[in-house]
Amino acid sequence: MGRRIDFYNDPAAPKANSVVPSANVVVVNDEGHILLIRRSDNDNWALPGGGMDLGESLPDTAVRETAEETGIDVEVTGLVGIYTDPRHVILYTSNNEARQEFSVVFTARPVGGTPQTSDESTEVRWVEPEQIEALPMDRSMRMRVNHYLTAPQSIHLG
């Protein structure tokens, strides 16, 4: 498996060669805990999510990716924001794909399933919001989580 390397406003970043619409999901349980995964490709904590497949909508992507990466079935409930900053480039070393960021971040509630890891996650955990700051997380992912935590009723564009 290759690695994922995130670059932000970095002159050494590779030039983007693709844009893939993707979804991330802030899943919140009844206790107010947020579902996070520890990514297997960079060891950082992140919201579940991934690229949209042909024939599906972005909300469908959010539901599918969350189930695949965490074992948790969800229902989309809202929108945190749309993140398309061209200064954020993601390099996938397995195929040298350099993606320009394009992520729509949804909110969701769990409706079933049991937390379990996948090929893309080494840990799956419900995390109390006040514990998130201590977890290793990419800058862009932390920004998305913080947008949800600090202004959950706003839609963020960037």
C-alpha atoms as a PDB file:
ATOM      1  CA  MET A   1       0.000   0.000   0.000  1.00  0.00           C
ATOM      2  CA  GLY A   2       1.211   3.471  -0.838  1.00  0.00           C
ATOM      3  CA  ARG A   3       1.296   6.488   1.380  1.00  0.00           C
ATOM      4  CA  ARG A   4      -0.810   9.644   1.390  1.00  0.00           C
ATOM      5  CA  ILE A   5       1.123  12.883   1.775  1.00  0.00           C
ATOM      6  CA  ASP A   6      -0.725  16.179   2.249  1.00  0.00           C
ATOM      7  CA  PHE A   7       0.877  19.426   1.123  1.00  0.00           C
ATOM      8  CA  TYR A   8      -0.483  22.872   1.883  1.00  0.00           C
ATOM      9  CA  ASN A   9       0.793  26.023   0.229  1.00  0.00           C
ATOM     10  CA  ASP A  10       4.113  24.207  -0.219  1.00  0.00           C
ATOM     11  CA  PRO A  11       6.370  25.168  -3.140  1.00  0.00           C
ATOM     12  CA  ALA A  12       7.791  21.620  -3.027  1.00  0.00           C
ATOM     13  CA  ALA A  13       4.340  20.066  -3.555  1.00  0.00           C
ATOM     14  CA  PRO A  14       3.810  18.156  -6.780  1.00  0.00           C
ATOM     15  CA  LYS A  15       1.611  19.818  -9.371  1.00  0.00           C
ATOM     16  CA  ALA A  16      -1.960  18.531  -9.093  1.00  0.00           C
ATOM     17  CA  ASN A  17      -2.888  16.127 -11.900  1.00  0.00           C
ATOM     18  CA  SER A  18      -6.444  15.229 -10.845  1.00  0.00           C
ATOM     19  CA  VAL A  19      -9.557  16.411  -9.043  1.00  0.00           C
ATOM     20  CA  VAL A  20     -11.792  13.785  -7.443  1.00  0.00           C
ATOM     21  CA  PRO A  21     -15.027  14.814  -5.738  1.00  0.00           C
ATOM     22  CA  SER A  22     -14.997  13.281  -2.286  1.00  0.00           C
ATOM     23  CA  ALA A  23     -16.976  13.285   0.939  1.00  0.00           C
ATOM     24  CA  ASN A  24     -15.979  13.338   4.588  1.00  0.00           C
ATOM     25  CA  VAL A  25     -18.429  12.767   7.405  1.00  0.00           C
ATOM     26  CA  VAL A  26     -18.756  14.144  10.930  1.00  0.00           C
ATOM     27  CA  VAL A  27     -20.709  11.319  12.566  1.00  0.00           C
ATOM     28  CA  VAL A  28     -21.963  12.258  16.031  1.00  0.00           C
ATOM     29  CA  ASN A  29     -23.513   9.736  18.412  1.00  0.00           C
ATOM     30  CA  ASP A  30     -26.093  10.376  21.134  1.00  0.00           C
ATOM     31  CA  GLU A  31     -23.315  11.122  23.663  1.00  0.00           C
ATOM     32  CA  GLY A  32     -21.863  13.827  21.391  1.00  0.00           C
ATOM     33  CA  HIS A  33     -18.779  11.782  20.492  1.00  0.00           C
ATOM     34  CA  ILE A  34     -17.353  12.032  16.962  1.00  0.00           C
ATOM     35  CA  LEU A  35     -16.427   8.971  14.908  1.00  0.00           C
ATOM     36  CA  LEU A  36     -12.778   9.066  13.800  1.00  0.00           C
ATOM     37  CA  ILE A  37     -10.470   6.684  11.993  1.00  0.00           C
ATOM     38  CA  ARG A  38      -6.709   6.340  12.135  1.00  0.00           C
ATOM     39  CA  ARG A  39      -5.736   6.228   8.469  1.00  0.00           C
ATOM     40  CA  SER A  40      -3.568   3.327   7.389  1.00  0.00           C
ATOM     41  CA  ASP A  41      -1.833   5.395   4.677  1.00  0.00           C
ATOM     42  CA  ASN A  42      -0.458   8.209   6.872  1.00  0.00           C
ATOM     43  CA  ASP A  43      -1.206   7.215  10.501  1.00  0.00           C
ATOM     44  CA  ASN A  44      -3.192  10.430  11.089  1.00  0.00           C
ATOM     45  CA  TRP A  45      -6.648  10.605  12.618  1.00  0.00           C
ATOM     46  CA  ALA A  46      -9.394  11.700  10.241  1.00  0.00           C
ATOM     47  CA  LEU A  47     -13.075  11.812   9.563  1.00  0.00           C
ATOM     48  CA  PRO A  48     -14.234   8.834   7.484  1.00  0.00           C
ATOM     49  CA  GLY A  49     -14.613   9.540   3.794  1.00  0.00           C
ATOM     50  CA  GLY A  50     -13.342   9.065   0.280  1.00  0.00           C
ATOM     51  CA  GLY A  51     -13.818   9.567  -3.415  1.00  0.00           C
ATOM     52  CA  MET A  52     -17.145   9.507  -5.229  1.00  0.00           C
ATOM     53  CA  ASP A  53     -17.791   6.634  -7.640  1.00  0.00           C
ATOM     54  CA  LEU A  54     -19.535   7.009 -10.964  1.00  0.00           C
ATOM     55  CA  GLY A  55     -23.269   6.563 -10.545  1.00  0.00           C
ATOM     56  CA  GLU A  56     -23.484   7.775  -6.953  1.00  0.00           C
ATOM     57  CA  SER A  57     -24.243  11.096  -5.308  1.00  0.00           C
ATOM     58  CA  LEU A  58     -21.942  12.716  -2.752  1.00  0.00           C
ATOM     59  CA  PRO A  59     -24.350  11.912   0.112  1.00  0.00           C
ATOM     60  CA  ASP A  60     -24.331   8.279  -1.090  1.00  0.00           C
ATOM     61  CA  THR A  61     -20.512   8.446  -1.100  1.00  0.00           C
ATOM     62  CA  ALA A  62     -20.574   9.687   2.496  1.00  0.00           C
ATOM     63  CA  VAL A  63     -22.754   6.777   3.610  1.00  0.00           C
ATOM     64  CA  ARG A  64     -20.761   4.148   1.663  1.00  0.00           C
ATOM     65  CA  GLU A  65     -17.319   5.382   2.719  1.00  0.00           C
ATOM     66  CA  THR A  66     -18.311   5.608   6.377  1.00  0.00           C
ATOM     67  CA  ALA A  67     -19.606   2.031   6.348  1.00  0.00           C
ATOM     68  CA  GLU A  68     -16.532   0.748   4.469  1.00  0.00           C
ATOM     69  CA  GLU A  69     -13.987   2.469   6.715  1.00  0.00           C
ATOM     70  CA  THR A  70     -15.703   2.167  10.106  1.00  0.00           C
ATOM     71  CA  GLY A  71     -18.435  -0.493  10.045  1.00  0.00           C
ATOM     72  CA  ILE A  72     -20.958   2.180  11.079  1.00  0.00           C
ATOM     73  CA  ASP A  73     -24.094   2.800   9.008  1.00  0.00           C
ATOM     74  CA  VAL A  74     -25.138   6.447   8.916  1.00  0.00           C
ATOM     75  CA  GLU A  75     -27.845   8.808   7.781  1.00  0.00           C
ATOM     76  CA  VAL A  76     -26.672  12.169   6.414  1.00  0.00           C
ATOM     77  CA  THR A  77     -28.198  15.047   8.382  1.00  0.00           C
ATOM     78  CA  GLY A  78     -26.469  18.199   7.171  1.00  0.00           C
ATOM     79  CA  LEU A  79     -23.501  19.986   5.682  1.00  0.00           C
ATOM     80  CA  VAL A  80     -20.357  21.334   7.366  1.00  0.00           C
ATOM     81  CA  GLY A  81     -18.748  22.796   4.272  1.00  0.00           C
ATOM     82  CA  ILE A  82     -17.173  22.542   0.845  1.00  0.00           C
ATOM     83  CA  TYR A  83     -13.374  22.474   0.707  1.00  0.00           C
ATOM     84  CA  THR A  84     -11.703  23.068  -2.677  1.00  0.00           C
ATOM     85  CA  ASP A  85      -8.510  24.979  -1.844  1.00  0.00           C
ATOM     86  CA  PRO A  86      -6.049  24.550  -4.760  1.00  0.00           C
ATOM     87  CA  ARG A  87      -3.156  25.125  -2.316  1.00  0.00           C
ATOM     88  CA  HIS A  88      -3.968  21.736  -0.737  1.00  0.00           C
ATOM     89  CA  VAL A  89      -2.485  18.928  -2.834  1.00  0.00           C
ATOM     90  CA  ILE A  90      -2.669  15.277  -1.797  1.00  0.00           C
ATOM     91  CA  LEU A  91      -0.041  12.904  -3.195  1.00  0.00           C
ATOM     92  CA  TYR A  92      -0.821   9.182  -3.345  1.00  0.00           C
ATOM     93  CA  THR A  93       2.543   7.450  -3.701  1.00  0.00           C
ATOM     94  CA  SER A  94       1.041   4.173  -4.957  1.00  0.00           C
ATOM     95  CA  ASN A  95       0.288   5.736  -8.360  1.00  0.00           C
ATOM     96  CA  ASN A  96       1.759   9.279  -8.135  1.00  0.00           C
ATOM     97  CA  GLU A  97      -1.694  10.805  -8.316  1.00  0.00           C
ATOM     98  CA  ALA A  98      -1.549  14.383  -7.023  1.00  0.00           C
ATOM     99  CA  ARG A  99      -5.081  15.539  -6.254  1.00  0.00           C
ATOM    100  CA  GLN A 100      -6.315  19.041  -5.760  1.00  0.00           C
ATOM    101  CA  GLU A 101      -8.521  19.096  -2.680  1.00  0.00           C
ATOM    102  CA  PHE A 102     -12.247  18.685  -3.395  1.00  0.00           C
ATOM    103  CA  SER A 103     -14.153  17.549  -0.348  1.00  0.00           C
ATOM    104  CA  VAL A 104     -17.710  18.088   0.796  1.00  0.00           C
ATOM    105  CA  VAL A 105     -18.045  17.502   4.525  1.00  0.00           C
ATOM    106  CA  PHE A 106     -21.392  16.239   5.794  1.00  0.00           C
ATOM    107  CA  THR A 107     -22.846  15.641   9.232  1.00  0.00           C
ATOM    108  CA  ALA A 108     -24.512  12.324   9.977  1.00  0.00           C
ATOM    109  CA  ARG A 109     -25.973  10.241  12.744  1.00  0.00           C
ATOM    110  CA  PRO A 110     -25.268   6.539  13.279  1.00  0.00           C
ATOM    111  CA  VAL A 111     -28.161   4.194  12.513  1.00  0.00           C
ATOM    112  CA  GLY A 112     -26.458   0.816  12.955  1.00  0.00           C
ATOM    113  CA  GLY A 113     -23.304  -1.231  12.690  1.00  0.00           C
ATOM    114  CA  THR A 114     -20.354  -1.904  14.945  1.00  0.00           C
ATOM    115  CA  PRO A 115     -17.002  -0.084  14.830  1.00  0.00           C
ATOM    116  CA  GLN A 116     -14.441  -2.110  12.879  1.00  0.00           C
ATOM    117  CA  THR A 117     -11.260  -1.367  10.979  1.00  0.00           C
ATOM    118  CA  SER A 118     -10.690  -1.803   7.248  1.00  0.00           C
ATOM    119  CA  ASP A 119      -7.820  -1.689   4.762  1.00  0.00           C
ATOM    120  CA  GLU A 120      -8.014   2.116   5.075  1.00  0.00           C
ATOM    121  CA  SER A 121      -8.233   2.362   8.872  1.00  0.00           C
ATOM    122  CA  THR A 122      -6.066   0.895  11.613  1.00  0.00           C
ATOM    123  CA  GLU A 123      -8.308   2.195  14.414  1.00  0.00           C
ATOM    124  CA  VAL A 124     -11.924   3.312  14.632  1.00  0.00           C
ATOM    125  CA  ARG A 125     -12.969   5.240  17.703  1.00  0.00           C
ATOM    126  CA  TRP A 126     -15.748   7.419  19.110  1.00  0.00           C
ATOM    127  CA  VAL A 127     -13.869  10.448  20.455  1.00  0.00           C
ATOM    128  CA  GLU A 128     -15.015  13.117  22.888  1.00  0.00           C
ATOM    129  CA  PRO A 129     -14.666  16.527  21.202  1.00  0.00           C
ATOM    130  CA  GLU A 130     -12.271  17.832  23.860  1.00  0.00           C
ATOM    131  CA  GLN A 131      -9.869  14.910  23.175  1.00  0.00           C
ATOM    132  CA  ILE A 132      -9.560  15.596  19.427  1.00  0.00           C
ATOM    133  CA  GLU A 133      -6.974  18.379  19.726  1.00  0.00           C
ATOM    134  CA  ALA A 134      -4.417  15.911  21.154  1.00  0.00           C
ATOM    135  CA  LEU A 135      -4.694  13.488  18.214  1.00  0.00           C
ATOM    136  CA  PRO A 136      -2.266  13.660  15.267  1.00  0.00           C
ATOM    137  CA  MET A 137      -4.300  15.031  12.363  1.00  0.00           C
ATOM    138  CA  ASP A 138      -3.551  16.731   9.046  1.00  0.00           C
ATOM    139  CA  ARG A 139      -4.060  20.513   9.035  1.00  0.00           C
ATOM    140  CA  SER A 140      -6.982  20.398   6.592  1.00  0.00           C
ATOM    141  CA  MET A 141      -8.785  17.641   8.502  1.00  0.00           C
ATOM    142  CA  ARG A 142      -8.345  19.465  11.808  1.00  0.00           C
ATOM    143  CA  MET A 143      -9.777  22.616  10.199  1.00  0.00           C
ATOM    144  CA  ARG A 144     -12.872  20.694   9.049  1.00  0.00           C
ATOM    145  CA  VAL A 145     -13.442  19.188  12.497  1.00  0.00           C
ATOM    146  CA  ASN A 146     -12.910  22.580  14.147  1.00  0.00           C
ATOM    147  CA  HIS A 147     -15.376  24.205  11.750  1.00  0.00           C
ATOM    148  CA  TYR A 148     -17.978  21.696  12.906  1.00  0.00           C
ATOM    149  CA  LEU A 149     -17.116  22.100  16.596  1.00  0.00           C
ATOM    150  CA  THR A 150     -16.969  25.906  16.637  1.00  0.00           C
ATOM    151  CA  ALA A 151     -19.780  26.772  14.221  1.00  0.00           C
ATOM    152  CA  PRO A 152     -22.000  23.729  13.656  1.00  0.00           C
ATOM    153  CA  GLN A 153     -24.839  25.771  12.173  1.00  0.00           C
ATOM    154  CA  SER A 154     -22.650  27.513   9.556  1.00  0.00           C
ATOM    155  CA  ILE A 155     -21.645  26.225   6.139  1.00  0.00           C
ATOM    156  CA  HIS A 156     -17.962  26.765   5.469  1.00  0.00           C
ATOM    157  CA  LEU A 157     -16.623  27.441   1.984  1.00  0.00           C
ATOM    158  CA  GLY A 158     -12.955  27.283   1.095  1.00  0.00           C
END
